[in-house]
Amino acid sequence: AWFRQAPGKEREFVSSIHSDLVPTYADSVKGRFAIDRENAKNTMYLEM
């Protein structure tokens, strides 16, 4: 998953992705951000 935190603000959930590639997005980033992962490389991406 990706979280974000700005100074003086609480940590905020941004997006998550399961190993089966099912994604979840916070409402604030839906339609703008895309999450993906390559399990063979243990790598996750967030295209913003």
ModelCIF file with pLDDT and N, C-alpha, C, O atoms, coordinates in Angstrom:
data_MODEL
#
_entry.id   MODEL 
#
_entity.id                         1 
_entity.type                       polymer 
_entity.pdbx_number_of_molecules   1 
#
_entity_poly.entity_id                      1 
_entity_poly.type                           'polypeptide(L)' 
_entity_poly.nstd_linkage                   no 
_entity_poly.nstd_monomer                   no 
_entity_poly.pdbx_seq_one_letter_code       AWFRQAPGKEREFVSSIHSDLVPTYADSVKGRFAIDRENAKNTMYLEM 
_entity_poly.pdbx_seq_one_letter_code_can   AWFRQAPGKEREFVSSIHSDLVPTYADSVKGRFAIDRENAKNTMYLEM 
_entity_poly.pdbx_strand_id                 A 
#
loop_
_entity_poly_seq.entity_id 
_entity_poly_seq.num 
_entity_poly_seq.mon_id 
_entity_poly_seq.hetero 
1 1  ALA n 
1 2  TRP n 
1 3  PHE n 
1 4  ARG n 
1 5  GLN n 
1 6  ALA n 
1 7  PRO n 
1 8  GLY n 
1 9  LYS n 
1 10 GLU n 
1 11 ARG n 
1 12 GLU n 
1 13 PHE n 
1 14 VAL n 
1 15 SER n 
1 16 SER n 
1 17 ILE n 
1 18 HIS n 
1 19 SER n 
1 20 ASP n 
1 21 LEU n 
1 22 VAL n 
1 23 PRO n 
1 24 THR n 
1 25 TYR n 
1 26 ALA n 
1 27 ASP n 
1 28 SER n 
1 29 VAL n 
1 30 LYS n 
1 31 GLY n 
1 32 ARG n 
1 33 PHE n 
1 34 ALA n 
1 35 ILE n 
1 36 ASP n 
1 37 ARG n 
1 38 GLU n 
1 39 ASN n 
1 40 ALA n 
1 41 LYS n 
1 42 ASN n 
1 43 THR n 
1 44 MET n 
1 45 TYR n 
1 46 LEU n 
1 47 GLU n 
1 48 MET n 
#
_struct_asym.id          A 
_struct_asym.entity_id   1 
#
loop_
_ma_qa_metric.id 
_ma_qa_metric.mode 
_ma_qa_metric.name 
_ma_qa_metric.software_group_id 
_ma_qa_metric.type 
1 global pLDDT . pLDDT 
2 local  pLDDT . pLDDT 
#
_ma_qa_metric_global.metric_id      1 
_ma_qa_metric_global.metric_value   96.62 
_ma_qa_metric_global.model_id       1 
_ma_qa_metric_global.ordinal_id     1 
#
loop_
_ma_qa_metric_local.label_asym_id 
_ma_qa_metric_local.label_comp_id 
_ma_qa_metric_local.label_seq_id 
_ma_qa_metric_local.metric_id 
_ma_qa_metric_local.metric_value 
_ma_qa_metric_local.model_id 
_ma_qa_metric_local.ordinal_id 
A ALA 1  2 98.00 1 1  
A TRP 2  2 98.00 1 2  
A PHE 3  2 97.00 1 3  
A ARG 4  2 98.00 1 4  
A GLN 5  2 97.00 1 5  
A ALA 6  2 96.00 1 6  
A PRO 7  2 92.00 1 7  
A GLY 8  2 94.00 1 8  
A LYS 9  2 96.00 1 9  
A GLU 10 2 96.00 1 10 
A ARG 11 2 95.00 1 11 
A GLU 12 2 95.00 1 12 
A PHE 13 2 96.00 1 13 
A VAL 14 2 98.00 1 14 
A SER 15 2 98.00 1 15 
A SER 16 2 98.00 1 16 
A ILE 17 2 98.00 1 17 
A HIS 18 2 96.00 1 18 
A SER 19 2 95.00 1 19 
A ASP 20 2 95.00 1 20 
A LEU 21 2 95.00 1 21 
A VAL 22 2 96.00 1 22 
A PRO 23 2 97.00 1 23 
A THR 24 2 97.00 1 24 
A TYR 25 2 98.00 1 25 
A ALA 26 2 97.00 1 26 
A ASP 27 2 97.00 1 27 
A SER 28 2 97.00 1 28 
A VAL 29 2 98.00 1 29 
A LYS 30 2 98.00 1 30 
A GLY 31 2 98.00 1 31 
A ARG 32 2 98.00 1 32 
A PHE 33 2 98.00 1 33 
A ALA 34 2 98.00 1 34 
A ILE 35 2 98.00 1 35 
A ASP 36 2 98.00 1 36 
A ARG 37 2 97.00 1 37 
A GLU 38 2 95.00 1 38 
A ASN 39 2 91.00 1 39 
A ALA 40 2 93.00 1 40 
A LYS 41 2 95.00 1 41 
A ASN 42 2 96.00 1 42 
A THR 43 2 97.00 1 43 
A MET 44 2 98.00 1 44 
A TYR 45 2 98.00 1 45 
A LEU 46 2 98.00 1 46 
A GLU 47 2 98.00 1 47 
A MET 48 2 98.00 1 48 
#
loop_
_atom_site.group_PDB 
_atom_site.id 
_atom_site.type_symbol 
_atom_site.label_atom_id 
_atom_site.label_alt_id 
_atom_site.label_comp_id 
_atom_site.label_asym_id 
_atom_site.label_entity_id 
_atom_site.label_seq_id 
_atom_site.pdbx_PDB_ins_code 
_atom_site.Cartn_x 
_atom_site.Cartn_y 
_atom_site.Cartn_z 
_atom_site.occupancy 
_atom_site.B_iso_or_equiv 
_atom_site.pdbx_formal_charge 
_atom_site.auth_seq_id 
_atom_site.auth_comp_id 
_atom_site.auth_asym_id 
_atom_site.auth_atom_id 
_atom_site.pdbx_PDB_model_num 
ATOM 1   N N  . ALA A 1 1  ? 0.824   -1.197  0.000   1.00 98.00 ? 1  ALA A N  1 
ATOM 2   C CA . ALA A 1 1  ? 0.000   0.000   0.000   1.00 98.00 ? 1  ALA A CA 1 
ATOM 3   C C  . ALA A 1 1  ? 0.860   1.248   0.000   1.00 98.00 ? 1  ALA A C  1 
ATOM 4   O O  . ALA A 1 1  ? 2.037   1.224   0.358   1.00 98.00 ? 1  ALA A O  1 
ATOM 5   N N  . TRP A 1 2  ? 0.239   2.326   -0.409  1.00 98.00 ? 2  TRP A N  1 
ATOM 6   C CA . TRP A 1 2  ? 0.823   3.651   -0.318  1.00 98.00 ? 2  TRP A CA 1 
ATOM 7   C C  . TRP A 1 2  ? 0.030   4.490   0.672   1.00 98.00 ? 2  TRP A C  1 
ATOM 8   O O  . TRP A 1 2  ? -1.200  4.523   0.636   1.00 98.00 ? 2  TRP A O  1 
ATOM 9   N N  . PHE A 1 3  ? 0.746   5.158   1.543   1.00 97.00 ? 3  PHE A N  1 
ATOM 10  C CA . PHE A 1 3  ? 0.193   6.158   2.435   1.00 97.00 ? 3  PHE A CA 1 
ATOM 11  C C  . PHE A 1 3  ? 0.915   7.471   2.174   1.00 97.00 ? 3  PHE A C  1 
ATOM 12  O O  . PHE A 1 3  ? 1.978   7.491   1.554   1.00 97.00 ? 3  PHE A O  1 
ATOM 13  N N  . ARG A 1 4  ? 0.343   8.547   2.643   1.00 98.00 ? 4  ARG A N  1 
ATOM 14  C CA . ARG A 1 4  ? 1.023   9.832   2.537   1.00 98.00 ? 4  ARG A CA 1 
ATOM 15  C C  . ARG A 1 4  ? 0.773   10.647  3.797   1.00 98.00 ? 4  ARG A C  1 
ATOM 16  O O  . ARG A 1 4  ? -0.240  10.483  4.476   1.00 98.00 ? 4  ARG A O  1 
ATOM 17  N N  . GLN A 1 5  ? 1.712   11.518  4.087   1.00 97.00 ? 5  GLN A N  1 
ATOM 18  C CA . GLN A 1 5  ? 1.599   12.360  5.262   1.00 97.00 ? 5  GLN A CA 1 
ATOM 19  C C  . GLN A 1 5  ? 2.230   13.714  4.981   1.00 97.00 ? 5  GLN A C  1 
ATOM 20  O O  . GLN A 1 5  ? 3.396   13.808  4.596   1.00 97.00 ? 5  GLN A O  1 
ATOM 21  N N  . ALA A 1 6  ? 1.449   14.745  5.177   1.00 96.00 ? 6  ALA A N  1 
ATOM 22  C CA . ALA A 1 6  ? 1.926   16.108  5.069   1.00 96.00 ? 6  ALA A CA 1 
ATOM 23  C C  . ALA A 1 6  ? 2.231   16.636  6.464   1.00 96.00 ? 6  ALA A C  1 
ATOM 24  O O  . ALA A 1 6  ? 1.649   16.158  7.438   1.00 96.00 ? 6  ALA A O  1 
ATOM 25  N N  . PRO A 1 7  ? 3.125   17.608  6.585   1.00 92.00 ? 7  PRO A N  1 
ATOM 26  C CA . PRO A 1 7  ? 3.451   18.160  7.903   1.00 92.00 ? 7  PRO A CA 1 
ATOM 27  C C  . PRO A 1 7  ? 2.213   18.654  8.635   1.00 92.00 ? 7  PRO A C  1 
ATOM 28  O O  . PRO A 1 7  ? 1.396   19.380  8.069   1.00 92.00 ? 7  PRO A O  1 
ATOM 29  N N  . GLY A 1 8  ? 2.080   18.259  9.889   1.00 94.00 ? 8  GLY A N  1 
ATOM 30  C CA . GLY A 1 8  ? 0.958   18.679  10.700  1.00 94.00 ? 8  GLY A CA 1 
ATOM 31  C C  . GLY A 1 8  ? -0.336  17.946  10.440  1.00 94.00 ? 8  GLY A C  1 
ATOM 32  O O  . GLY A 1 8  ? -1.361  18.285  11.031  1.00 94.00 ? 8  GLY A O  1 
ATOM 33  N N  . LYS A 1 9  ? -0.319  16.957  9.578   1.00 96.00 ? 9  LYS A N  1 
ATOM 34  C CA . LYS A 1 9  ? -1.517  16.207  9.250   1.00 96.00 ? 9  LYS A CA 1 
ATOM 35  C C  . LYS A 1 9  ? -1.307  14.731  9.554   1.00 96.00 ? 9  LYS A C  1 
ATOM 36  O O  . LYS A 1 9  ? -0.177  14.248  9.628   1.00 96.00 ? 9  LYS A O  1 
ATOM 37  N N  . GLU A 1 10 ? -2.410  14.033  9.726   1.00 96.00 ? 10 GLU A N  1 
ATOM 38  C CA . GLU A 1 10 ? -2.347  12.608  9.997   1.00 96.00 ? 10 GLU A CA 1 
ATOM 39  C C  . GLU A 1 10 ? -1.974  11.834  8.746   1.00 96.00 ? 10 GLU A C  1 
ATOM 40  O O  . GLU A 1 10 ? -2.214  12.279  7.623   1.00 96.00 ? 10 GLU A O  1 
ATOM 41  N N  . ARG A 1 11 ? -1.390  10.682  8.960   1.00 95.00 ? 11 ARG A N  1 
ATOM 42  C CA . ARG A 1 11 ? -1.085  9.800   7.854   1.00 95.00 ? 11 ARG A CA 1 
ATOM 43  C C  . ARG A 1 11 ? -2.376  9.369   7.168   1.00 95.00 ? 11 ARG A C  1 
ATOM 44  O O  . ARG A 1 11 ? -3.363  9.050   7.830   1.00 95.00 ? 11 ARG A O  1 
ATOM 45  N N  . GLU A 1 12 ? -2.362  9.361   5.859   1.00 95.00 ? 12 GLU A N  1 
ATOM 46  C CA . GLU A 1 12 ? -3.552  9.133   5.061   1.00 95.00 ? 12 GLU A CA 1 
ATOM 47  C C  . GLU A 1 12 ? -3.336  7.957   4.124   1.00 95.00 ? 12 GLU A C  1 
ATOM 48  O O  . GLU A 1 12 ? -2.311  7.866   3.448   1.00 95.00 ? 12 GLU A O  1 
ATOM 49  N N  . PHE A 1 13 ? -4.303  7.066   4.091   1.00 96.00 ? 13 PHE A N  1 
ATOM 50  C CA . PHE A 1 13 ? -4.285  5.970   3.137   1.00 96.00 ? 13 PHE A CA 1 
ATOM 51  C C  . PHE A 1 13 ? -4.494  6.497   1.733   1.00 96.00 ? 13 PHE A C  1 
ATOM 52  O O  . PHE A 1 13 ? -5.370  7.331   1.502   1.00 96.00 ? 13 PHE A O  1 
ATOM 53  N N  . VAL A 1 14 ? -3.699  6.019   0.798   1.00 98.00 ? 14 VAL A N  1 
ATOM 54  C CA . VAL A 1 14 ? -3.803  6.446   -0.588  1.00 98.00 ? 14 VAL A CA 1 
ATOM 55  C C  . VAL A 1 14 ? -4.331  5.324   -1.472  1.00 98.00 ? 14 VAL A C  1 
ATOM 56  O O  . VAL A 1 14 ? -5.322  5.496   -2.182  1.00 98.00 ? 14 VAL A O  1 
ATOM 57  N N  . SER A 1 15 ? -3.667  4.180   -1.424  1.00 98.00 ? 15 SER A N  1 
ATOM 58  C CA . SER A 1 15 ? -4.035  3.083   -2.301  1.00 98.00 ? 15 SER A CA 1 
ATOM 59  C C  . SER A 1 15 ? -3.377  1.806   -1.816  1.00 98.00 ? 15 SER A C  1 
ATOM 60  O O  . SER A 1 15 ? -2.317  1.846   -1.191  1.00 98.00 ? 15 SER A O  1 
ATOM 61  N N  . SER A 1 16 ? -3.998  0.684   -2.098  1.00 98.00 ? 16 SER A N  1 
ATOM 62  C CA . SER A 1 16 ? -3.423  -0.616  -1.766  1.00 98.00 ? 16 SER A CA 1 
ATOM 63  C C  . SER A 1 16 ? -3.638  -1.577  -2.917  1.00 98.00 ? 16 SER A C  1 
ATOM 64  O O  . SER A 1 16 ? -4.471  -1.352  -3.794  1.00 98.00 ? 16 SER A O  1 
ATOM 65  N N  . ILE A 1 17 ? -2.875  -2.644  -2.896  1.00 98.00 ? 17 ILE A N  1 
ATOM 66  C CA . ILE A 1 17 ? -3.018  -3.661  -3.927  1.00 98.00 ? 17 ILE A CA 1 
ATOM 67  C C  . ILE A 1 17 ? -2.656  -5.022  -3.342  1.00 98.00 ? 17 ILE A C  1 
ATOM 68  O O  . ILE A 1 17 ? -1.630  -5.180  -2.680  1.00 98.00 ? 17 ILE A O  1 
ATOM 69  N N  . HIS A 1 18 ? -3.513  -5.993  -3.599  1.00 96.00 ? 18 HIS A N  1 
ATOM 70  C CA . HIS A 1 18 ? -3.303  -7.355  -3.152  1.00 96.00 ? 18 HIS A CA 1 
ATOM 71  C C  . HIS A 1 18 ? -2.393  -8.073  -4.136  1.00 96.00 ? 18 HIS A C  1 
ATOM 72  O O  . HIS A 1 18 ? -2.174  -7.608  -5.255  1.00 96.00 ? 18 HIS A O  1 
ATOM 73  N N  . SER A 1 19 ? -1.872  -9.203  -3.707  1.00 95.00 ? 19 SER A N  1 
ATOM 74  C CA . SER A 1 19 ? -1.030  -9.990  -4.591  1.00 95.00 ? 19 SER A CA 1 
ATOM 75  C C  . SER A 1 19 ? -1.785  -10.509 -5.810  1.00 95.00 ? 19 SER A C  1 
ATOM 76  O O  . SER A 1 19 ? -1.173  -10.823 -6.831  1.00 95.00 ? 19 SER A O  1 
ATOM 77  N N  . ASP A 1 20 ? -3.124  -10.602 -5.712  1.00 95.00 ? 20 ASP A N  1 
ATOM 78  C CA . ASP A 1 20 ? -3.932  -10.976 -6.867  1.00 95.00 ? 20 ASP A CA 1 
ATOM 79  C C  . ASP A 1 20 ? -4.294  -9.770  -7.729  1.00 95.00 ? 20 ASP A C  1 
ATOM 80  O O  . ASP A 1 20 ? -5.094  -9.885  -8.657  1.00 95.00 ? 20 ASP A O  1 
ATOM 81  N N  . LEU A 1 21 ? -3.706  -8.617  -7.422  1.00 95.00 ? 21 LEU A N  1 
ATOM 82  C CA . LEU A 1 21 ? -3.787  -7.389  -8.199  1.00 95.00 ? 21 LEU A CA 1 
ATOM 83  C C  . LEU A 1 21 ? -5.091  -6.623  -7.997  1.00 95.00 ? 21 LEU A C  1 
ATOM 84  O O  . LEU A 1 21 ? -5.387  -5.711  -8.769  1.00 95.00 ? 21 LEU A O  1 
ATOM 85  N N  . VAL A 1 22 ? -5.875  -6.970  -6.982  1.00 96.00 ? 22 VAL A N  1 
ATOM 86  C CA . VAL A 1 22 ? -7.076  -6.210  -6.671  1.00 96.00 ? 22 VAL A CA 1 
ATOM 87  C C  . VAL A 1 22 ? -6.672  -4.897  -6.001  1.00 96.00 ? 22 VAL A C  1 
ATOM 88  O O  . VAL A 1 22 ? -6.019  -4.911  -4.958  1.00 96.00 ? 22 VAL A O  1 
ATOM 89  N N  . PRO A 1 23 ? -7.056  -3.761  -6.594  1.00 97.00 ? 23 PRO A N  1 
ATOM 90  C CA . PRO A 1 23 ? -6.654  -2.474  -6.022  1.00 97.00 ? 23 PRO A CA 1 
ATOM 91  C C  . PRO A 1 23 ? -7.757  -1.808  -5.211  1.00 97.00 ? 23 PRO A C  1 
ATOM 92  O O  . PRO A 1 23 ? -8.941  -2.091  -5.389  1.00 97.00 ? 23 PRO A O  1 
ATOM 93  N N  . THR A 1 24 ? -7.346  -0.931  -4.330  1.00 97.00 ? 24 THR A N  1 
ATOM 94  C CA . THR A 1 24 ? -8.253  -0.067  -3.592  1.00 97.00 ? 24 THR A CA 1 
ATOM 95  C C  . THR A 1 24 ? -7.675  1.338   -3.611  1.00 97.00 ? 24 THR A C  1 
ATOM 96  O O  . THR A 1 24 ? -6.463  1.518   -3.493  1.00 97.00 ? 24 THR A O  1 
ATOM 97  N N  . TYR A 1 25 ? -8.548  2.342   -3.761  1.00 98.00 ? 25 TYR A N  1 
ATOM 98  C CA . TYR A 1 25 ? -8.107  3.730   -3.820  1.00 98.00 ? 25 TYR A CA 1 
ATOM 99  C C  . TYR A 1 25 ? -8.889  4.575   -2.836  1.00 98.00 ? 25 TYR A C  1 
ATOM 100 O O  . TYR A 1 25 ? -10.084 4.367   -2.625  1.00 98.00 ? 25 TYR A O  1 
ATOM 101 N N  . ALA A 1 26 ? -8.205  5.519   -2.244  1.00 97.00 ? 26 ALA A N  1 
ATOM 102 C CA . ALA A 1 26 ? -8.900  6.554   -1.496  1.00 97.00 ? 26 ALA A CA 1 
ATOM 103 C C  . ALA A 1 26 ? -9.707  7.408   -2.457  1.00 97.00 ? 26 ALA A C  1 
ATOM 104 O O  . ALA A 1 26 ? -9.322  7.599   -3.610  1.00 97.00 ? 26 ALA A O  1 
ATOM 105 N N  . ASP A 1 27 ? -10.831 7.921   -1.971  1.00 97.00 ? 27 ASP A N  1 
ATOM 106 C CA . ASP A 1 27 ? -11.681 8.731   -2.832  1.00 97.00 ? 27 ASP A CA 1 
ATOM 107 C C  . ASP A 1 27 ? -10.940 9.935   -3.406  1.00 97.00 ? 27 ASP A C  1 
ATOM 108 O O  . ASP A 1 27 ? -11.230 10.373  -4.519  1.00 97.00 ? 27 ASP A O  1 
ATOM 109 N N  . SER A 1 28 ? -10.001 10.457  -2.661  1.00 97.00 ? 28 SER A N  1 
ATOM 110 C CA . SER A 1 28 ? -9.299  11.656  -3.082  1.00 97.00 ? 28 SER A CA 1 
ATOM 111 C C  . SER A 1 28 ? -8.408  11.451  -4.301  1.00 97.00 ? 28 SER A C  1 
ATOM 112 O O  . SER A 1 28 ? -8.023  12.418  -4.957  1.00 97.00 ? 28 SER A O  1 
ATOM 113 N N  . VAL A 1 29 ? -8.078  10.197  -4.608  1.00 98.00 ? 29 VAL A N  1 
ATOM 114 C CA . VAL A 1 29 ? -7.169  9.942   -5.724  1.00 98.00 ? 29 VAL A CA 1 
ATOM 115 C C  . VAL A 1 29 ? -7.792  9.094   -6.818  1.00 98.00 ? 29 VAL A C  1 
ATOM 116 O O  . VAL A 1 29 ? -7.151  8.847   -7.840  1.00 98.00 ? 29 VAL A O  1 
ATOM 117 N N  . LYS A 1 30 ? -9.018  8.643   -6.633  1.00 98.00 ? 30 LYS A N  1 
ATOM 118 C CA . LYS A 1 30 ? -9.665  7.823   -7.646  1.00 98.00 ? 30 LYS A CA 1 
ATOM 119 C C  . LYS A 1 30 ? -9.743  8.568   -8.974  1.00 98.00 ? 30 LYS A C  1 
ATOM 120 O O  . LYS A 1 30 ? -10.087 9.749   -9.027  1.00 98.00 ? 30 LYS A O  1 
ATOM 121 N N  . GLY A 1 31 ? -9.420  7.857   -10.027 1.00 98.00 ? 31 GLY A N  1 
ATOM 122 C CA . GLY A 1 31 ? -9.443  8.445   -11.351 1.00 98.00 ? 31 GLY A CA 1 
ATOM 123 C C  . GLY A 1 31 ? -8.176  9.169   -11.726 1.00 98.00 ? 31 GLY A C  1 
ATOM 124 O O  . GLY A 1 31 ? -7.983  9.506   -12.894 1.00 98.00 ? 31 GLY A O  1 
ATOM 125 N N  . ARG A 1 32 ? -7.293  9.421   -10.753 1.00 98.00 ? 32 ARG A N  1 
ATOM 126 C CA . ARG A 1 32 ? -6.050  10.129  -11.030 1.00 98.00 ? 32 ARG A CA 1 
ATOM 127 C C  . ARG A 1 32 ? -4.822  9.255   -10.805 1.00 98.00 ? 32 ARG A C  1 
ATOM 128 O O  . ARG A 1 32 ? -3.835  9.366   -11.533 1.00 98.00 ? 32 ARG A O  1 
ATOM 129 N N  . PHE A 1 33 ? -4.881  8.397   -9.808  1.00 98.00 ? 33 PHE A N  1 
ATOM 130 C CA . PHE A 1 33 ? -3.754  7.535   -9.477  1.00 98.00 ? 33 PHE A CA 1 
ATOM 131 C C  . PHE A 1 33 ? -4.061  6.111   -9.894  1.00 98.00 ? 33 PHE A C  1 
ATOM 132 O O  . PHE A 1 33 ? -5.220  5.697   -9.902  1.00 98.00 ? 33 PHE A O  1 
ATOM 133 N N  . ALA A 1 34 ? -3.037  5.367   -10.237 1.00 98.00 ? 34 ALA A N  1 
ATOM 134 C CA . ALA A 1 34 ? -3.170  3.960   -10.573 1.00 98.00 ? 34 ALA A CA 1 
ATOM 135 C C  . ALA A 1 34 ? -2.074  3.167   -9.880  1.00 98.00 ? 34 ALA A C  1 
ATOM 136 O O  . ALA A 1 34 ? -0.893  3.497   -9.988  1.00 98.00 ? 34 ALA A O  1 
ATOM 137 N N  . ILE A 1 35 ? -2.469  2.128   -9.173  1.00 98.00 ? 35 ILE A N  1 
ATOM 138 C CA . ILE A 1 35 ? -1.522  1.284   -8.467  1.00 98.00 ? 35 ILE A CA 1 
ATOM 139 C C  . ILE A 1 35 ? -1.335  -0.022  -9.227  1.00 98.00 ? 35 ILE A C  1 
ATOM 140 O O  . ILE A 1 35 ? -2.268  -0.522  -9.855  1.00 98.00 ? 35 ILE A O  1 
ATOM 141 N N  . ASP A 1 36 ? -0.144  -0.562  -9.167  1.00 98.00 ? 36 ASP A N  1 
ATOM 142 C CA . ASP A 1 36 ? 0.155   -1.819  -9.819  1.00 98.00 ? 36 ASP A CA 1 
ATOM 143 C C  . ASP A 1 36 ? 1.295   -2.484  -9.064  1.00 98.00 ? 36 ASP A C  1 
ATOM 144 O O  . ASP A 1 36 ? 1.982   -1.839  -8.271  1.00 98.00 ? 36 ASP A O  1 
ATOM 145 N N  . ARG A 1 37 ? 1.492   -3.751  -9.307  1.00 97.00 ? 37 ARG A N  1 
ATOM 146 C CA . ARG A 1 37 ? 2.627   -4.449  -8.718  1.00 97.00 ? 37 ARG A CA 1 
ATOM 147 C C  . ARG A 1 37 ? 3.079   -5.567  -9.631  1.00 97.00 ? 37 ARG A C  1 
ATOM 148 O O  . ARG A 1 37 ? 2.299   -6.117  -10.408 1.00 97.00 ? 37 ARG A O  1 
ATOM 149 N N  . GLU A 1 38 ? 4.345   -5.886  -9.521  1.00 95.00 ? 38 GLU A N  1 
ATOM 150 C CA . GLU A 1 38 ? 4.940   -7.016  -10.209 1.00 95.00 ? 38 GLU A CA 1 
ATOM 151 C C  . GLU A 1 38 ? 5.434   -7.959  -9.127  1.00 95.00 ? 38 GLU A C  1 
ATOM 152 O O  . GLU A 1 38 ? 6.475   -7.728  -8.512  1.00 95.00 ? 38 GLU A O  1 
ATOM 153 N N  . ASN A 1 39 ? 4.680   -9.016  -8.903  1.00 91.00 ? 39 ASN A N  1 
ATOM 154 C CA . ASN A 1 39 ? 4.977   -9.907  -7.797  1.00 91.00 ? 39 ASN A CA 1 
ATOM 155 C C  . ASN A 1 39 ? 6.337   -10.580 -7.932  1.00 91.00 ? 39 ASN A C  1 
ATOM 156 O O  . ASN A 1 39 ? 7.029   -10.798 -6.937  1.00 91.00 ? 39 ASN A O  1 
ATOM 157 N N  . ALA A 1 40 ? 6.714   -10.905 -9.152  1.00 93.00 ? 40 ALA A N  1 
ATOM 158 C CA . ALA A 1 40 ? 7.994   -11.573 -9.364  1.00 93.00 ? 40 ALA A CA 1 
ATOM 159 C C  . ALA A 1 40 ? 9.168   -10.691 -8.987  1.00 93.00 ? 40 ALA A C  1 
ATOM 160 O O  . ALA A 1 40 ? 10.255  -11.192 -8.698  1.00 93.00 ? 40 ALA A O  1 
ATOM 161 N N  . LYS A 1 41 ? 8.961   -9.381  -8.989  1.00 95.00 ? 41 LYS A N  1 
ATOM 162 C CA . LYS A 1 41 ? 10.011  -8.431  -8.646  1.00 95.00 ? 41 LYS A CA 1 
ATOM 163 C C  . LYS A 1 41 ? 9.815   -7.823  -7.265  1.00 95.00 ? 41 LYS A C  1 
ATOM 164 O O  . LYS A 1 41 ? 10.622  -7.001  -6.832  1.00 95.00 ? 41 LYS A O  1 
ATOM 165 N N  . ASN A 1 42 ? 8.745   -8.220  -6.563  1.00 96.00 ? 42 ASN A N  1 
ATOM 166 C CA . ASN A 1 42 ? 8.403   -7.647  -5.255  1.00 96.00 ? 42 ASN A CA 1 
ATOM 167 C C  . ASN A 1 42 ? 8.353   -6.124  -5.320  1.00 96.00 ? 42 ASN A C  1 
ATOM 168 O O  . ASN A 1 42 ? 8.810   -5.435  -4.408  1.00 96.00 ? 42 ASN A O  1 
ATOM 169 N N  . THR A 1 43 ? 7.799   -5.621  -6.393  1.00 97.00 ? 43 THR A N  1 
ATOM 170 C CA . THR A 1 43 ? 7.800   -4.191  -6.644  1.00 97.00 ? 43 THR A CA 1 
ATOM 171 C C  . THR A 1 43 ? 6.382   -3.678  -6.849  1.00 97.00 ? 43 THR A C  1 
ATOM 172 O O  . THR A 1 43 ? 5.578   -4.293  -7.550  1.00 97.00 ? 43 THR A O  1 
ATOM 173 N N  . MET A 1 44 ? 6.091   -2.549  -6.231  1.00 98.00 ? 44 MET A N  1 
ATOM 174 C CA . MET A 1 44 ? 4.804   -1.882  -6.352  1.00 98.00 ? 44 MET A CA 1 
ATOM 175 C C  . MET A 1 44 ? 5.030   -0.512  -6.961  1.00 98.00 ? 44 MET A C  1 
ATOM 176 O O  . MET A 1 44 ? 6.062   0.120   -6.736  1.00 98.00 ? 44 MET A O  1 
ATOM 177 N N  . TYR A 1 45 ? 4.055   -0.060  -7.733  1.00 98.00 ? 45 TYR A N  1 
ATOM 178 C CA . TYR A 1 45 ? 4.131   1.229   -8.397  1.00 98.00 ? 45 TYR A CA 1 
ATOM 179 C C  . TYR A 1 45 ? 2.894   2.059   -8.085  1.00 98.00 ? 45 TYR A C  1 
ATOM 180 O O  . TYR A 1 45 ? 1.821   1.523   -7.809  1.00 98.00 ? 45 TYR A O  1 
ATOM 181 N N  . LEU A 1 46 ? 3.061   3.345   -8.134  1.00 98.00 ? 46 LEU A N  1 
ATOM 182 C CA . LEU A 1 46 ? 1.937   4.263   -8.056  1.00 98.00 ? 46 LEU A CA 1 
ATOM 183 C C  . LEU A 1 46 ? 2.131   5.319   -9.132  1.00 98.00 ? 46 LEU A C  1 
ATOM 184 O O  . LEU A 1 46 ? 3.011   6.173   -9.031  1.00 98.00 ? 46 LEU A O  1 
ATOM 185 N N  . GLU A 1 47 ? 1.303   5.249   -10.158 1.00 98.00 ? 47 GLU A N  1 
ATOM 186 C CA . GLU A 1 47 ? 1.321   6.269   -11.195 1.00 98.00 ? 47 GLU A CA 1 
ATOM 187 C C  . GLU A 1 47 ? 0.360   7.370   -10.798 1.00 98.00 ? 47 GLU A C  1 
ATOM 188 O O  . GLU A 1 47 ? -0.834  7.130   -10.619 1.00 98.00 ? 47 GLU A O  1 
ATOM 189 N N  . MET A 1 48 ? 0.873   8.557   -10.665 1.00 98.00 ? 48 MET A N  1 
ATOM 190 C CA . MET A 1 48 ? 0.093   9.695   -10.211 1.00 98.00 ? 48 MET A CA 1 
ATOM 191 C C  . MET A 1 48 ? -0.045  10.676  -11.356 1.00 98.00 ? 48 MET A C  1 
ATOM 192 O O  . MET A 1 48 ? -0.672  11.724  -11.200 1.00 98.00 ? 48 MET A O  1 
#
